[in-house]
């Protein structure tokens, strides 16, 4: 038994099925046996003759903006120091 999809005359996946050599595709459909590693296919995907294409791919993620560089005082605060504490540590 293998996984297969049934596509209609417009090359749109209409069903995912279990398939073996005794099966016959229903009238108006064509069966395409899938490689065992294929996953994620659902009804509505399009067969281009070589690959299955998701007609509704997920949107591209928004790029994460680069953070503004920290000022020297903000860097000190991040380290848990004040300007006065740094001066004391440096003996100024």
C-alpha atoms as a PDB file:
ATOM      1  CA  UNK A   1       0.000   0.000   0.000  1.00  0.00           C
ATOM      2  CA  UNK A   2       1.200   3.458  -0.918  1.00  0.00           C
ATOM      3  CA  UNK A   3      -0.038   7.013  -0.547  1.00  0.00           C
ATOM      4  CA  UNK A   4      -1.480   8.632  -3.638  1.00  0.00           C
ATOM      5  CA  UNK A   5      -3.473  11.684  -4.622  1.00  0.00           C
ATOM      6  CA  UNK A   6      -6.354  11.963  -7.019  1.00  0.00           C
ATOM      7  CA  UNK A   7      -6.234  14.965  -9.319  1.00  0.00           C
ATOM      8  CA  UNK A   8      -9.038  16.244 -11.494  1.00  0.00           C
ATOM      9  CA  UNK A   9      -8.876  17.364 -15.134  1.00  0.00           C
ATOM     10  CA  UNK A  10      -7.574  20.774 -14.003  1.00  0.00           C
ATOM     11  CA  UNK A  11      -4.648  19.096 -12.147  1.00  0.00           C
ATOM     12  CA  UNK A  12      -6.044  20.048  -8.745  1.00  0.00           C
ATOM     13  CA  UNK A  13      -5.704  17.541  -5.899  1.00  0.00           C
ATOM     14  CA  UNK A  14      -9.203  16.402  -4.916  1.00  0.00           C
ATOM     15  CA  UNK A  15      -8.337  13.597  -2.476  1.00  0.00           C
ATOM     16  CA  UNK A  16      -5.502  11.772  -0.719  1.00  0.00           C
ATOM     17  CA  UNK A  17      -5.860   7.988  -0.692  1.00  0.00           C
ATOM     18  CA  UNK A  18      -4.172   4.679   0.039  1.00  0.00           C
ATOM     19  CA  UNK A  19      -3.242   3.001  -3.239  1.00  0.00           C
ATOM     20  CA  UNK A  20      -2.056  -0.354  -4.509  1.00  0.00           C
ATOM     21  CA  UNK A  21      -1.764  -2.026  -7.910  1.00  0.00           C
ATOM     22  CA  UNK A  22      -5.391  -3.234  -7.740  1.00  0.00           C
ATOM     23  CA  UNK A  23      -6.864   0.246  -7.397  1.00  0.00           C
ATOM     24  CA  UNK A  24      -8.539   2.159 -10.210  1.00  0.00           C
ATOM     25  CA  UNK A  25      -8.920   5.935 -10.156  1.00  0.00           C
ATOM     26  CA  UNK A  26     -12.533   7.123 -10.262  1.00  0.00           C
ATOM     27  CA  UNK A  27     -13.753   8.503 -13.571  1.00  0.00           C
ATOM     28  CA  UNK A  28     -12.576  12.052 -14.171  1.00  0.00           C
ATOM     29  CA  UNK A  29      -9.543  11.699 -11.910  1.00  0.00           C
ATOM     30  CA  UNK A  30      -5.968  10.539 -12.232  1.00  0.00           C
ATOM     31  CA  UNK A  31      -4.016   8.884  -9.425  1.00  0.00           C
ATOM     32  CA  UNK A  32      -0.451   9.938  -8.708  1.00  0.00           C
ATOM     33  CA  UNK A  33       1.465   7.688  -6.348  1.00  0.00           C
ATOM     34  CA  UNK A  34       3.544   9.721  -3.902  1.00  0.00           C
ATOM     35  CA  UNK A  35       7.072   9.167  -2.715  1.00  0.00           C
ATOM     36  CA  UNK A  36       7.010   7.951   0.900  1.00  0.00           C
ATOM     37  CA  UNK A  37       8.727  11.134   2.108  1.00  0.00           C
ATOM     38  CA  UNK A  38       6.056  13.479   0.685  1.00  0.00           C
ATOM     39  CA  UNK A  39       3.952  15.108   3.383  1.00  0.00           C
ATOM     40  CA  UNK A  40       1.804  18.161   3.857  1.00  0.00           C
ATOM     41  CA  UNK A  41      -0.229  17.782   0.666  1.00  0.00           C
ATOM     42  CA  UNK A  42      -3.911  18.590   0.976  1.00  0.00           C
ATOM     43  CA  UNK A  43      -6.855  18.942  -1.354  1.00  0.00           C
ATOM     44  CA  UNK A  44      -6.553  22.058  -3.473  1.00  0.00           C
ATOM     45  CA  UNK A  45      -2.848  21.759  -4.259  1.00  0.00           C
ATOM     46  CA  UNK A  46      -1.954  21.928  -7.947  1.00  0.00           C
ATOM     47  CA  UNK A  47       0.045  19.371  -9.929  1.00  0.00           C
ATOM     48  CA  UNK A  48       2.228  21.080 -12.560  1.00  0.00           C
ATOM     49  CA  UNK A  49       3.319  17.815 -14.141  1.00  0.00           C
ATOM     50  CA  UNK A  50       6.441  17.568 -11.990  1.00  0.00           C
ATOM     51  CA  UNK A  51       5.686  19.085  -8.574  1.00  0.00           C
ATOM     52  CA  UNK A  52       2.781  19.857  -6.303  1.00  0.00           C
ATOM     53  CA  UNK A  53       2.271  23.556  -5.678  1.00  0.00           C
ATOM     54  CA  UNK A  54       0.473  25.048  -2.690  1.00  0.00           C
ATOM     55  CA  UNK A  55      -1.925  27.646  -4.128  1.00  0.00           C
ATOM     56  CA  UNK A  56      -2.001  29.406  -0.749  1.00  0.00           C
ATOM     57  CA  UNK A  57       1.580  29.384   0.535  1.00  0.00           C
ATOM     58  CA  UNK A  58       2.179  30.816   3.984  1.00  0.00           C
ATOM     59  CA  UNK A  59       3.235  34.461   3.951  1.00  0.00           C
ATOM     60  CA  UNK A  60       6.913  35.300   4.152  1.00  0.00           C
ATOM     61  CA  UNK A  61       7.888  36.183   7.715  1.00  0.00           C
ATOM     62  CA  UNK A  62       8.372  39.854   8.442  1.00  0.00           C
ATOM     63  CA  UNK A  63      12.054  40.733   8.770  1.00  0.00           C
ATOM     64  CA  UNK A  64      13.142  41.534  12.309  1.00  0.00           C
ATOM     65  CA  UNK A  65      14.384  45.109  12.399  1.00  0.00           C
ATOM     66  CA  UNK A  66      17.898  45.733  13.648  1.00  0.00           C
ATOM     67  CA  UNK A  67      17.826  47.194  17.151  1.00  0.00           C
ATOM     68  CA  UNK A  68      19.009  50.735  17.621  1.00  0.00           C
ATOM     69  CA  UNK A  69      22.571  50.814  18.953  1.00  0.00           C
ATOM     70  CA  UNK A  70      22.804  51.402  22.685  1.00  0.00           C
ATOM     71  CA  UNK A  71      24.283  54.594  24.049  1.00  0.00           C
ATOM     72  CA  UNK A  72      27.245  54.226  26.416  1.00  0.00           C
ATOM     73  CA  UNK A  73      24.941  54.997  29.357  1.00  0.00           C
ATOM     74  CA  UNK A  74      22.440  52.323  28.214  1.00  0.00           C
ATOM     75  CA  UNK A  75      25.309  49.824  27.951  1.00  0.00           C
ATOM     76  CA  UNK A  76      26.284  50.620  31.525  1.00  0.00           C
ATOM     77  CA  UNK A  77      22.669  50.208  32.682  1.00  0.00           C
ATOM     78  CA  UNK A  78      22.505  46.841  30.904  1.00  0.00           C
ATOM     79  CA  UNK A  79      25.587  45.818  32.886  1.00  0.00           C
ATOM     80  CA  UNK A  80      23.920  47.048  36.076  1.00  0.00           C
ATOM     81  CA  UNK A  81      26.245  50.035  36.539  1.00  0.00           C
ATOM     82  CA  UNK A  82      25.763  53.775  36.787  1.00  0.00           C
ATOM     83  CA  UNK A  83      28.205  56.368  35.522  1.00  0.00           C
ATOM     84  CA  UNK A  84      29.091  57.173  39.118  1.00  0.00           C
ATOM     85  CA  UNK A  85      29.788  53.503  39.922  1.00  0.00           C
ATOM     86  CA  UNK A  86      32.025  53.188  36.854  1.00  0.00           C
ATOM     87  CA  UNK A  87      33.936  56.321  37.862  1.00  0.00           C
ATOM     88  CA  UNK A  88      34.398  54.890  41.360  1.00  0.00           C
ATOM     89  CA  UNK A  89      35.665  51.589  39.901  1.00  0.00           C
ATOM     90  CA  UNK A  90      38.157  53.475  37.725  1.00  0.00           C
ATOM     91  CA  UNK A  91      39.194  55.760  40.553  1.00  0.00           C
ATOM     92  CA  UNK A  92      38.057  58.912  38.810  1.00  0.00           C
END
